């Protein structure tokens, strides 16, 4: 059984158009909200670009691939085999739905 203050899940938060990877922390205050309701969650976000909609773009960038091929393995190495949840709003909501639909 994990210690009381250890996370039990990782939430990948995908931000909206025009925002950045700090929005889940500085604007939405997701860690504060989780703590307020007693949810032992680890919140993670990454720089996916200002307006890329979290999928491969014509210029070659691929925020979706970065998310599932780099960020998820990094978090798994650091935090163990915790379950993942997706959170997103606006452009990030699209990215969260796309990621869930692709099943990875």
Protein backbone atom coordinates (compact mmCIF):
# COMPACT_ATOMS: atom_id res chain seq x y z
CA UNK A 1 0.00 0.00 0.00
CA UNK A 2 1.49 3.41 -0.95
CA UNK A 3 2.18 5.98 1.71
CA UNK A 4 -0.60 8.49 2.22
CA UNK A 5 1.20 11.30 0.38
CA UNK A 6 2.44 9.18 -2.53
CA UNK A 7 0.54 9.58 -5.81
CA UNK A 8 -1.78 6.79 -6.90
CA UNK A 9 -2.18 8.02 -10.49
CA UNK A 10 -0.60 10.40 -12.97
CA UNK A 11 -2.73 12.97 -14.76
CA UNK A 12 -1.36 14.16 -18.10
CA UNK A 13 -2.74 17.64 -18.57
CA UNK A 14 -2.83 18.99 -22.12
CA UNK A 15 -3.27 22.73 -22.30
CA UNK A 16 -5.35 24.83 -24.66
CA UNK A 17 -4.37 26.93 -27.67
CA UNK A 18 -2.16 29.86 -26.82
CA UNK A 19 -1.27 28.49 -23.38
CA UNK A 20 1.80 26.50 -22.35
CA UNK A 21 2.87 23.61 -20.16
CA UNK A 22 2.66 25.79 -17.05
CA UNK A 23 -1.08 26.48 -17.42
CA UNK A 24 -2.21 23.37 -15.49
CA UNK A 25 -0.18 24.66 -12.54
CA UNK A 26 -0.25 28.46 -12.79
CA UNK A 27 -3.75 29.03 -14.22
CA UNK A 28 -5.79 25.95 -13.38
CA UNK A 29 -3.99 25.04 -10.13
CA UNK A 30 -4.64 21.34 -10.69
CA UNK A 31 -2.28 20.13 -7.95
CA UNK A 32 -4.02 22.45 -5.46
CA UNK A 33 -7.45 21.19 -6.55
CA UNK A 34 -6.35 17.56 -6.19
CA UNK A 35 -4.91 18.24 -2.74
CA UNK A 36 -8.05 20.10 -1.69
CA UNK A 37 -10.23 17.05 -2.36
CA UNK A 38 -7.64 14.60 -1.04
CA UNK A 39 -6.88 13.02 -4.42
CA UNK A 40 -3.32 11.60 -4.37
CA UNK A 41 -2.44 12.56 -7.95
CA UNK A 42 0.72 13.57 -9.71
CA UNK A 43 0.03 16.20 -12.39
CA UNK A 44 2.28 16.32 -15.45
CA UNK A 45 2.39 18.54 -18.51
CA UNK A 46 4.84 19.11 -21.33
CA UNK A 47 5.54 21.69 -24.00
CA UNK A 48 3.54 20.52 -27.00
CA UNK A 49 3.58 23.82 -28.89
CA UNK A 50 1.30 26.83 -28.94
CA UNK A 51 -1.19 25.65 -31.55
CA UNK A 52 -0.38 22.11 -32.66
CA UNK A 53 -3.57 20.39 -31.43
CA UNK A 54 -1.45 17.55 -30.03
CA UNK A 55 -0.95 15.65 -33.28
CA UNK A 56 1.63 15.41 -36.06
CA UNK A 57 1.97 18.61 -38.04
CA UNK A 58 3.13 19.27 -41.59
CA UNK A 59 6.30 20.90 -40.26
CA UNK A 60 7.35 17.55 -38.75
CA UNK A 61 6.62 18.25 -35.09
CA UNK A 62 4.56 15.60 -33.35
CA UNK A 63 3.38 16.48 -29.85
CA UNK A 64 1.35 13.27 -29.63
CA UNK A 65 4.43 11.12 -30.26
CA UNK A 66 6.40 13.14 -27.70
CA UNK A 67 3.63 12.58 -25.19
CA UNK A 68 3.31 8.80 -25.59
CA UNK A 69 6.86 7.89 -26.62
CA UNK A 70 8.86 10.20 -24.36
CA UNK A 71 6.82 11.71 -21.52
CA UNK A 72 4.87 8.60 -20.49
CA UNK A 73 8.01 6.40 -20.35
CA UNK A 74 9.88 9.11 -18.42
CA UNK A 75 7.09 9.39 -15.86
CA UNK A 76 6.82 5.60 -15.61
CA UNK A 77 10.56 5.34 -14.87
CA UNK A 78 10.36 8.07 -12.24
CA UNK A 79 7.05 7.25 -10.57
CA UNK A 80 6.60 3.55 -11.25
CA UNK A 81 3.71 1.73 -12.84
CA UNK A 82 0.97 4.12 -11.80
CA UNK A 83 -2.17 4.39 -13.93
CA UNK A 84 -2.49 7.38 -16.23
CA UNK A 85 -5.43 9.70 -16.77
CA UNK A 86 -5.81 12.38 -19.43
CA UNK A 87 -7.00 15.93 -18.84
CA UNK A 88 -7.31 18.61 -21.45
CA UNK A 89 -9.26 21.70 -22.36
CA UNK A 90 -9.78 23.45 -25.67
CA UNK A 91 -6.93 22.32 -27.93
CA UNK A 92 -5.76 20.04 -25.12
CA UNK A 93 -9.21 18.49 -24.90
CA UNK A 94 -8.87 17.50 -28.53
CA UNK A 95 -5.42 16.07 -27.78
CA UNK A 96 -6.72 14.12 -24.78
CA UNK A 97 -9.57 12.63 -26.83
CA UNK A 98 -7.19 11.82 -29.70
CA UNK A 99 -4.77 10.10 -27.35
CA UNK A 100 -7.56 8.12 -25.70
CA UNK A 101 -8.98 7.14 -29.09
CA UNK A 102 -5.61 5.89 -30.27
CA UNK A 103 -5.31 3.84 -27.12
CA UNK A 104 -1.77 4.95 -26.36
